[in-house]
Amino acid sequence: MTPGMNHEWVTHVMEVADQQSLSSVWYYSQIDDFNFAERCEAFYWMFERILESGRLRLKKNGEYLTGTPKELVQRFRDVFPTSDIPDPVNWPDEDASFWFFGDPCPGEAVWRIDHPDGQIEWRHCP
């Protein structure tokens, strides 16, 4: 495990990315001085931990995605950009975080909100 990749880091990222799109999880899971491949691995690791926590589900085209956290993360691995600028011709100024808002992204964030009265709400954050 990479230094910094621990329970406290997961808790911190869940707090700051809560109720935001997956691009926020990408942004907040980054570790300084990592190259793109290492940044991807940090994101996948963090993403899987958050899915395991039960605070995050994924939705695409109005349907919840099914599968284990590992299987869901694999869907992202299979189609994630191979560089930090995934479309230099059409979007030369956009980095990989822009990818989360396009059709190739396999899912969107749906965060769990625990209300004080015990009710649970799921909030979709495209």
Protein backbone atom coordinates (compact mmCIF):
# COMPACT_ATOMS: atom_id res chain seq x y z
CA MET A 1 0.00 0.00 0.00
CA THR A 2 1.27 3.44 -0.92
CA PRO A 3 2.06 5.85 1.93
CA GLY A 4 -1.04 7.87 2.69
CA MET A 5 -3.39 5.22 1.35
CA ASN A 6 -5.09 4.24 4.60
CA HIS A 7 -8.42 4.39 6.45
CA GLU A 8 -7.93 8.02 7.46
CA TRP A 9 -7.37 9.02 3.84
CA VAL A 10 -10.52 7.16 2.74
CA THR A 11 -12.53 8.90 5.46
CA HIS A 12 -11.16 12.27 4.43
CA VAL A 13 -11.94 11.74 0.73
CA MET A 14 -15.46 10.52 1.54
CA GLU A 15 -16.03 13.70 3.57
CA VAL A 16 -14.73 16.16 0.98
CA ALA A 17 -16.18 14.38 -2.08
CA ASP A 18 -19.53 13.57 -0.44
CA GLN A 19 -22.52 14.52 -2.62
CA GLN A 20 -20.25 15.38 -5.55
CA SER A 21 -19.56 13.73 -8.90
CA LEU A 22 -16.99 10.99 -9.37
CA SER A 23 -14.59 13.57 -10.78
CA SER A 24 -14.32 14.84 -7.19
CA VAL A 25 -13.32 11.38 -5.99
CA TRP A 26 -10.70 11.39 -8.77
CA TYR A 27 -9.44 14.82 -7.73
CA TYR A 28 -9.34 14.22 -3.97
CA SER A 29 -7.78 10.75 -4.23
CA GLN A 30 -4.64 12.09 -5.91
CA ILE A 31 -1.25 11.96 -4.22
CA ASP A 32 1.39 14.57 -5.04
CA ASP A 33 4.19 13.54 -7.38
CA PHE A 34 2.34 10.54 -8.83
CA ASN A 35 2.48 9.98 -12.57
CA PHE A 36 -0.79 9.35 -14.43
CA ALA A 37 -0.71 5.55 -14.03
CA GLU A 38 -0.07 5.87 -10.29
CA ARG A 39 -2.85 8.46 -10.00
CA CYS A 40 -5.20 6.00 -11.67
CA GLU A 41 -4.25 3.24 -9.24
CA ALA A 42 -4.78 5.58 -6.27
CA PHE A 43 -8.21 6.47 -7.65
CA TYR A 44 -9.20 2.82 -8.25
CA TRP A 45 -8.05 1.89 -4.75
CA MET A 46 -9.98 4.80 -3.19
CA PHE A 47 -13.05 4.22 -5.37
CA GLU A 48 -13.23 0.57 -4.31
CA ARG A 49 -12.90 1.45 -0.60
CA ILE A 50 -15.73 4.02 -0.90
CA LEU A 51 -17.96 1.53 -2.70
CA GLU A 52 -17.19 -1.06 0.00
CA SER A 53 -18.24 1.44 2.67
CA GLY A 54 -21.80 1.50 1.32
CA ARG A 55 -21.84 5.32 1.10
CA LEU A 56 -21.69 5.29 -2.68
CA ARG A 57 -23.63 3.49 -5.39
CA LEU A 58 -23.44 3.87 -9.14
CA LYS A 59 -26.15 4.61 -11.65
CA LYS A 60 -26.20 4.76 -15.46
CA ASN A 61 -29.18 5.68 -17.64
CA GLY A 62 -31.48 5.63 -14.62
CA GLU A 63 -30.48 2.13 -13.49
CA TYR A 64 -28.33 1.16 -10.52
CA LEU A 65 -25.27 -0.85 -11.49
CA THR A 66 -24.85 -4.25 -9.91
CA GLY A 67 -21.72 -6.13 -8.98
CA THR A 68 -19.13 -6.22 -6.26
CA PRO A 69 -17.03 -3.11 -5.63
CA LYS A 70 -14.12 -4.84 -7.37
CA GLU A 71 -16.28 -5.63 -10.43
CA LEU A 72 -17.64 -2.08 -10.57
CA VAL A 73 -14.15 -0.60 -10.39
CA GLN A 74 -13.05 -2.99 -13.15
CA ARG A 75 -15.69 -1.48 -15.43
CA PHE A 76 -13.95 1.87 -14.97
CA ARG A 77 -10.48 0.36 -15.42
CA ASP A 78 -11.57 -1.16 -18.73
CA VAL A 79 -12.50 2.17 -20.30
CA PHE A 80 -10.63 4.84 -18.33
CA PRO A 81 -8.46 7.27 -20.34
CA THR A 82 -4.87 6.23 -20.90
CA SER A 83 -3.53 9.74 -20.42
CA ASP A 84 -4.38 12.83 -18.44
CA ILE A 85 -5.68 14.52 -21.61
CA PRO A 86 -8.00 11.85 -23.05
CA ASP A 87 -9.17 13.80 -26.13
CA PRO A 88 -6.44 16.26 -27.17
CA VAL A 89 -8.07 16.95 -30.55
CA ASN A 90 -11.58 17.87 -29.43
CA TRP A 91 -10.90 18.92 -25.83
CA PRO A 92 -7.20 19.90 -25.59
CA ASP A 93 -7.65 21.86 -22.37
CA GLU A 94 -9.61 19.20 -20.45
CA ASP A 95 -7.92 16.68 -18.17
CA ALA A 96 -9.11 13.19 -17.19
CA SER A 97 -11.62 14.60 -14.70
CA PHE A 98 -13.72 15.77 -17.67
CA TRP A 99 -14.12 12.12 -18.76
CA PHE A 100 -16.47 11.39 -15.84
CA PHE A 101 -19.17 13.53 -17.49
CA GLY A 102 -19.19 11.75 -20.86
CA ASP A 103 -20.88 8.69 -22.29
CA PRO A 104 -17.82 6.40 -21.96
CA CYS A 105 -17.98 6.71 -18.16
CA PRO A 106 -19.74 3.55 -16.93
CA GLY A 107 -21.58 5.15 -14.01
CA GLU A 108 -22.43 8.22 -11.99
CA ALA A 109 -22.28 8.80 -8.25
CA VAL A 110 -25.28 8.21 -6.01
CA TRP A 111 -24.38 9.10 -2.42
CA ARG A 112 -26.14 7.84 0.71
CA ILE A 113 -27.45 10.47 3.10
CA ASP A 114 -28.22 9.31 6.63
CA HIS A 115 -30.81 11.58 8.23
CA PRO A 116 -30.96 12.08 12.03
CA ASP A 117 -34.39 10.40 12.15
CA GLY A 118 -32.88 7.20 10.71
CA GLN A 119 -34.17 7.70 7.18
CA ILE A 120 -31.78 6.99 4.33
CA GLU A 121 -31.84 8.96 1.10
CA TRP A 122 -29.83 8.35 -2.07
CA ARG A 123 -28.77 11.49 -3.96
CA HIS A 124 -27.72 11.23 -7.61
CA CYS A 125 -24.72 13.42 -8.45
CA PRO A 126 -23.95 13.20 -12.19
